[in-house]
Amino acid sequence: MTDNQRKEYIKLHISVLLAGLTGVLGKLITLDAFYLVWYRLSFAFILFFIMLFVLKKLPSEKFLEILKIGGLGVLLGLHFLFFFASIKFANVAIGVVCYSLEGFFTAIFEPLIFKKPFCRENLLCSIIAVAGIGLIFHIDTHFRFGIILGIISAVLIALYTILNKVIGSDKSSKTMLFYELLGGTLFLSVLVSAGIISGVTVLEIPSLMNFVYLFILAFFCTIVLYILQIHVLRTLSAFTVSLYGNFEPIYGILLAIIFLGEGQQLNISFYIGMILILLSVFLQSMVSADKAVEKTT
């Protein structure tokens, strides 16, 4: 592994740690999932716009490209909605565990989208990861609806990761994130406006603590996180990025225990599951390294 690749893996790991914190913040914020996501995207877009404006680095793209990237933002916004709804209806553990199915869905979708043969090694790594996830959390039928929402969020983020690599292959991280945040914010703003006008929902104003949590969520767990992930997608495969997402349930559950007192018992199943997840990431890294060596010989 080269020094450049090692740096990319470090960036990827930091992004996953921030993703693990996302679930805890989602539980701490008392807003409805719908408004939580709207405020998150809106705050993130405003903060990012101010940053780029001050630095005089606002991106400029053709209208058709803006629509494509903005469409990714809609996909990302929908993922956020299902992810936080999963946490609200169930708990952080279920939300982050279901999110980790991203690697499984990516291993299925990526060959279909790129019209290439299925990689047996990738599928094997995904199966190992899914087995580990299953051991980490014993599914309770009481949380069935939250689990369904979490699985849908995993499907959406897998599609987002793959399409991001396709559309953003020749664009900078800041350009991709800027227009994705714009697209997601506009999409959620339309839904919020329609809900308020029709009387289906009432505008929720965040409290001071909610505002603080939303700022952390918007800046660190959105701007910083997705700039890192978009950047590493230039070097690493979409499957590798999604597979590393399997670290998130470990971070998310541990952080939920520390900050929320959810009391998730760290029994033998947890440790076996964690080992399986780490093994799947290690094996996939070895496979990727071997393929890189083969290309250079």
Protein backbone atom coordinates (compact mmCIF):
# COMPACT_ATOMS: atom_id res chain seq x y z
CA MET A 1 0.00 0.00 0.00
CA THR A 2 1.42 3.39 -1.02
CA ASP A 3 1.59 6.44 1.28
CA ASN A 4 -1.15 8.11 -0.78
CA GLN A 5 -3.44 5.10 -0.40
CA ARG A 6 -2.73 4.98 3.33
CA LYS A 7 -3.78 8.64 3.65
CA GLU A 8 -7.00 7.93 1.77
CA TYR A 9 -7.83 5.05 4.11
CA ILE A 10 -7.21 7.31 7.13
CA LYS A 11 -9.58 9.92 5.67
CA LEU A 12 -12.15 7.21 5.04
CA HIS A 13 -11.86 5.95 8.62
CA ILE A 14 -12.33 9.47 10.05
CA SER A 15 -15.46 9.87 7.92
CA VAL A 16 -16.85 6.61 9.30
CA LEU A 17 -16.16 7.75 12.88
CA LEU A 18 -18.11 10.94 12.17
CA ALA A 19 -20.89 8.82 10.67
CA GLY A 20 -21.02 6.85 13.92
CA LEU A 21 -21.57 10.10 15.82
CA THR A 22 -24.46 10.99 13.49
CA GLY A 23 -26.79 8.42 15.05
CA VAL A 24 -26.20 9.73 18.57
CA LEU A 25 -26.88 13.31 17.48
CA GLY A 26 -30.02 12.15 15.69
CA LYS A 27 -31.32 10.70 18.95
CA LEU A 28 -30.31 13.75 21.01
CA ILE A 29 -32.12 16.14 18.66
CA THR A 30 -35.77 16.10 19.73
CA LEU A 31 -37.16 17.31 16.40
CA ASP A 32 -39.20 15.07 14.12
CA ALA A 33 -36.98 13.20 11.61
CA PHE A 34 -38.46 15.19 8.73
CA TYR A 35 -37.50 18.57 10.22
CA LEU A 36 -34.22 17.23 11.57
CA VAL A 37 -33.08 16.38 8.03
CA TRP A 38 -34.36 19.67 6.60
CA TYR A 39 -32.47 21.72 9.19
CA ARG A 40 -29.37 19.57 8.79
CA LEU A 41 -29.19 20.08 5.03
CA SER A 42 -30.18 23.75 5.21
CA PHE A 43 -27.60 24.58 7.89
CA ALA A 44 -24.93 22.58 6.07
CA PHE A 45 -25.64 24.37 2.77
CA ILE A 46 -25.61 27.83 4.37
CA LEU A 47 -22.37 27.13 6.25
CA PHE A 48 -20.70 25.68 3.17
CA PHE A 49 -21.89 28.57 1.00
CA ILE A 50 -20.44 31.11 3.45
CA MET A 51 -17.13 29.22 3.59
CA LEU A 52 -16.77 29.09 -0.20
CA PHE A 53 -17.94 32.69 -0.62
CA VAL A 54 -15.35 34.00 1.86
CA LEU A 55 -12.63 31.92 0.18
CA LYS A 56 -13.92 33.07 -3.24
CA LYS A 57 -14.21 29.44 -4.37
CA LEU A 58 -17.89 29.17 -5.22
CA PRO A 59 -18.22 26.47 -7.91
CA SER A 60 -19.70 27.02 -11.35
CA GLU A 61 -21.20 24.24 -13.47
CA LYS A 62 -23.46 23.91 -16.50
CA PHE A 63 -27.16 23.64 -15.73
CA LEU A 64 -27.41 19.99 -16.81
CA GLU A 65 -24.51 19.04 -14.53
CA ILE A 66 -26.11 20.94 -11.65
CA LEU A 67 -29.29 18.92 -12.15
CA LYS A 68 -27.34 15.65 -12.10
CA ILE A 69 -25.42 16.53 -8.94
CA GLY A 70 -28.54 18.02 -7.34
CA GLY A 71 -30.31 14.72 -8.02
CA LEU A 72 -27.65 13.01 -5.90
CA GLY A 73 -28.51 15.50 -3.17
CA VAL A 74 -32.16 14.41 -3.35
CA LEU A 75 -31.04 10.79 -3.00
CA LEU A 76 -28.87 11.75 -0.02
CA GLY A 77 -31.74 13.66 1.57
CA LEU A 78 -34.03 10.64 1.24
CA HIS A 79 -31.36 8.44 2.82
CA PHE A 80 -31.14 10.85 5.76
CA LEU A 81 -34.93 10.78 6.19
CA PHE A 82 -35.13 6.99 6.36
CA PHE A 83 -32.00 6.73 8.51
CA PHE A 84 -33.18 9.18 11.18
CA ALA A 85 -36.73 7.82 11.03
CA SER A 86 -35.25 4.38 11.75
CA ILE A 87 -33.49 5.79 14.81
CA LYS A 88 -36.62 7.62 15.99
CA PHE A 89 -38.90 4.57 15.59
CA ALA A 90 -36.30 2.15 17.02
CA ASN A 91 -32.93 3.21 18.43
CA VAL A 92 -29.39 4.14 17.42
CA ALA A 93 -28.19 0.53 17.39
CA ILE A 94 -30.81 -0.55 14.86
CA GLY A 95 -30.27 2.53 12.69
CA VAL A 96 -26.50 2.11 12.38
CA VAL A 97 -26.63 -1.67 12.05
CA CYS A 98 -29.09 -1.45 9.15
CA TYR A 99 -26.96 1.31 7.60
CA SER A 100 -24.08 -1.13 7.45
CA LEU A 101 -25.98 -3.23 4.92
CA GLU A 102 -24.75 -0.61 2.45
CA GLY A 103 -21.77 -2.82 1.61
CA PHE A 104 -24.07 -5.76 0.87
CA PHE A 105 -26.29 -3.71 -1.47
CA THR A 106 -23.29 -2.07 -3.14
CA ALA A 107 -21.81 -5.48 -3.95
CA ILE A 108 -25.08 -6.25 -5.75
CA PHE A 109 -25.80 -2.88 -7.41
CA GLU A 110 -22.29 -1.95 -8.57
CA PRO A 111 -21.88 -4.84 -11.06
CA LEU A 112 -25.40 -4.21 -12.40
CA ILE A 113 -24.85 -0.47 -12.90
CA PHE A 114 -21.37 -0.82 -14.42
CA LYS A 115 -22.43 -3.94 -16.36
CA LYS A 116 -19.59 -6.10 -15.13
CA PRO A 117 -19.41 -9.58 -13.59
CA PHE A 118 -20.13 -10.02 -9.90
CA CYS A 119 -16.98 -10.20 -7.81
CA ARG A 120 -17.11 -13.34 -5.69
CA GLU A 121 -14.59 -11.91 -3.21
CA ASN A 122 -16.67 -8.77 -2.65
CA LEU A 123 -19.84 -10.80 -2.16
CA LEU A 124 -18.03 -13.06 0.30
CA CYS A 125 -16.75 -10.06 2.27
CA SER A 126 -20.28 -8.62 2.35
CA ILE A 127 -21.76 -11.90 3.58
CA ILE A 128 -19.17 -12.03 6.37
CA ALA A 129 -19.99 -8.41 7.30
CA VAL A 130 -23.74 -9.07 7.30
CA ALA A 131 -23.18 -12.13 9.53
CA GLY A 132 -21.21 -9.92 11.92
CA ILE A 133 -23.95 -7.30 11.93
CA GLY A 134 -26.52 -9.97 12.70
CA LEU A 135 -24.52 -11.10 15.72
CA ILE A 136 -24.00 -7.57 17.01
CA PHE A 137 -27.71 -6.93 17.22
CA HIS A 138 -30.42 -9.48 18.02
CA ILE A 139 -33.44 -8.26 16.07
CA ASP A 140 -36.51 -7.58 18.19
CA THR A 141 -39.90 -7.71 16.43
CA HIS A 142 -40.90 -4.65 18.46
CA PHE A 143 -38.54 -2.62 16.26
CA ARG A 144 -39.65 -4.20 12.96
CA PHE A 145 -40.80 -0.92 11.35
CA GLY A 146 -37.57 0.83 12.34
CA ILE A 147 -35.59 -2.04 10.81
CA ILE A 148 -37.48 -1.75 7.50
CA LEU A 149 -36.79 2.00 7.40
CA GLY A 150 -33.11 1.34 8.14
CA ILE A 151 -32.80 -1.19 5.32
CA ILE A 152 -34.34 1.30 2.87
CA SER A 153 -31.81 3.91 4.02
CA ALA A 154 -29.00 1.41 3.30
CA VAL A 155 -30.31 0.83 -0.25
CA LEU A 156 -30.42 4.59 -0.87
CA ILE A 157 -26.89 5.28 0.44
CA ALA A 158 -25.50 2.38 -1.62
CA LEU A 159 -27.00 3.90 -4.79
CA TYR A 160 -25.75 7.35 -3.75
CA THR A 161 -22.19 6.07 -3.26
CA ILE A 162 -22.09 4.33 -6.63
CA LEU A 163 -23.66 7.19 -8.61
CA ASN A 164 -21.43 9.71 -6.84
CA LYS A 165 -18.41 7.92 -8.23
CA VAL A 166 -19.93 7.95 -11.74
CA ILE A 167 -21.07 11.59 -11.83
CA GLY A 168 -18.26 13.06 -9.74
CA SER A 169 -15.28 11.33 -11.34
CA ASP A 170 -14.06 14.56 -12.99
CA LYS A 171 -15.31 17.10 -10.45
CA SER A 172 -13.88 18.50 -7.22
CA SER A 173 -15.17 17.48 -3.80
CA LYS A 174 -16.40 21.00 -3.03
CA THR A 175 -18.34 21.20 -6.31
CA MET A 176 -20.07 17.88 -5.68
CA LEU A 177 -20.94 18.65 -2.06
CA PHE A 178 -22.11 22.21 -2.81
CA TYR A 179 -24.66 21.18 -5.44
CA GLU A 180 -25.68 18.04 -3.56
CA LEU A 181 -26.48 20.13 -0.49
CA LEU A 182 -28.32 22.62 -2.71
CA GLY A 183 -30.38 19.87 -4.36
CA GLY A 184 -31.21 18.17 -1.06
CA THR A 185 -32.10 21.47 0.63
CA LEU A 186 -34.42 22.57 -2.20
CA PHE A 187 -36.09 19.15 -2.29
CA LEU A 188 -36.75 19.11 1.47
CA SER A 189 -37.83 22.78 1.42
CA VAL A 190 -40.49 21.97 -1.17
CA LEU A 191 -41.76 19.08 0.96
CA VAL A 192 -41.77 21.22 4.12
CA SER A 193 -43.65 24.03 2.37
CA ALA A 194 -46.19 21.61 0.92
CA GLY A 195 -46.71 20.01 4.33
CA ILE A 196 -47.25 23.34 6.10
CA ILE A 197 -49.55 24.76 3.39
CA SER A 198 -51.66 21.60 3.31
CA GLY A 199 -51.84 21.49 7.11
CA VAL A 200 -50.26 18.05 7.30
CA THR A 201 -47.44 19.35 9.50
CA VAL A 202 -46.60 22.36 11.66
CA LEU A 203 -43.23 24.12 11.51
CA GLU A 204 -40.94 22.98 14.33
CA ILE A 205 -38.42 25.51 15.69
CA PRO A 206 -35.27 24.01 17.25
CA SER A 207 -34.46 24.79 20.87
CA LEU A 208 -31.03 26.14 21.85
CA MET A 209 -29.60 22.65 22.53
CA ASN A 210 -31.16 21.31 19.34
CA PHE A 211 -29.52 24.19 17.48
CA VAL A 212 -26.10 23.30 18.94
CA TYR A 213 -26.52 19.63 18.01
CA LEU A 214 -27.72 20.61 14.54
CA PHE A 215 -24.63 22.77 14.03
CA ILE A 216 -22.34 19.85 14.94
CA LEU A 217 -24.39 17.56 12.70
CA ALA A 218 -24.34 20.02 9.80
CA PHE A 219 -20.67 21.00 9.92
CA PHE A 220 -18.71 17.99 11.16
CA CYS A 221 -21.07 15.13 10.28
CA THR A 222 -22.16 16.53 6.92
CA ILE A 223 -19.67 18.98 5.38
CA VAL A 224 -16.47 17.42 6.74
CA LEU A 225 -17.78 13.83 6.47
CA TYR A 226 -18.98 14.02 2.86
CA ILE A 227 -16.01 16.02 1.58
CA LEU A 228 -13.82 13.21 2.93
CA GLN A 229 -15.97 10.48 1.38
CA ILE A 230 -16.34 12.20 -2.00
CA HIS A 231 -12.59 12.78 -2.08
CA VAL A 232 -11.60 9.19 -1.29
CA LEU A 233 -13.99 7.89 -3.98
CA ARG A 234 -11.48 9.21 -6.52
CA THR A 235 -8.92 6.67 -5.33
CA LEU A 236 -10.89 3.87 -3.66
CA SER A 237 -13.75 1.82 -5.09
CA ALA A 238 -17.38 2.48 -4.11
CA PHE A 239 -17.45 -1.01 -2.56
CA THR A 240 -14.40 -0.30 -0.38
CA VAL A 241 -15.97 2.96 0.86
CA SER A 242 -19.28 1.27 1.63
CA LEU A 243 -17.61 -1.75 3.24
CA TYR A 244 -15.68 0.50 5.62
CA GLY A 245 -19.08 1.81 6.63
CA ASN A 246 -19.42 -1.47 8.53
CA PHE A 247 -17.29 0.13 11.26
CA GLU A 248 -20.18 2.52 11.92
CA PRO A 249 -22.31 0.14 14.03
CA ILE A 250 -19.35 -0.44 16.34
CA TYR A 251 -18.75 3.29 16.80
CA GLY A 252 -22.45 4.11 16.86
CA ILE A 253 -23.38 1.50 19.46
CA LEU A 254 -20.42 2.36 21.71
CA LEU A 255 -21.17 6.10 21.48
CA ALA A 256 -24.86 5.42 22.18
CA ILE A 257 -23.91 3.50 25.32
CA ILE A 258 -21.56 6.28 26.47
CA PHE A 259 -23.74 9.31 25.70
CA LEU A 260 -27.29 7.94 25.69
CA GLY A 261 -27.08 5.10 28.21
CA GLU A 262 -28.97 2.78 25.87
CA GLY A 263 -27.46 -0.08 27.82
CA GLN A 264 -26.64 -2.27 24.83
CA GLN A 265 -24.95 -5.28 26.46
CA LEU A 266 -21.54 -6.07 25.03
CA ASN A 267 -21.84 -9.85 25.20
CA ILE A 268 -19.89 -12.51 23.33
CA SER A 269 -22.09 -12.04 20.25
CA PHE A 270 -21.03 -8.40 20.03
CA TYR A 271 -17.34 -9.24 20.10
CA ILE A 272 -17.69 -12.07 17.56
CA GLY A 273 -19.71 -9.79 15.30
CA MET A 274 -17.15 -7.01 15.62
CA ILE A 275 -14.35 -9.44 14.71
CA LEU A 276 -16.29 -10.60 11.63
CA ILE A 277 -16.80 -7.00 10.49
CA LEU A 278 -13.11 -6.19 10.95
CA LEU A 279 -12.21 -9.41 9.12
CA SER A 280 -14.43 -8.48 6.17
CA VAL A 281 -12.74 -5.07 5.85
CA PHE A 282 -9.27 -6.63 6.17
CA LEU A 283 -10.00 -9.29 3.53
CA GLN A 284 -11.43 -6.73 1.11
CA SER A 285 -8.38 -4.50 1.59
CA MET A 286 -6.14 -7.46 0.81
CA VAL A 287 -8.15 -8.27 -2.32
CA SER A 288 -7.95 -4.65 -3.49
CA ALA A 289 -4.21 -4.56 -2.84
CA ASP A 290 -3.69 -7.78 -4.82
CA LYS A 291 -5.68 -6.40 -7.75
CA ALA A 292 -3.65 -3.19 -7.69
CA VAL A 293 -0.44 -5.22 -7.82
CA GLU A 294 -1.75 -7.27 -10.74
CA LYS A 295 -2.50 -4.09 -12.72
CA THR A 296 1.04 -2.81 -12.27
CA THR A 297 2.72 -6.06 -13.33
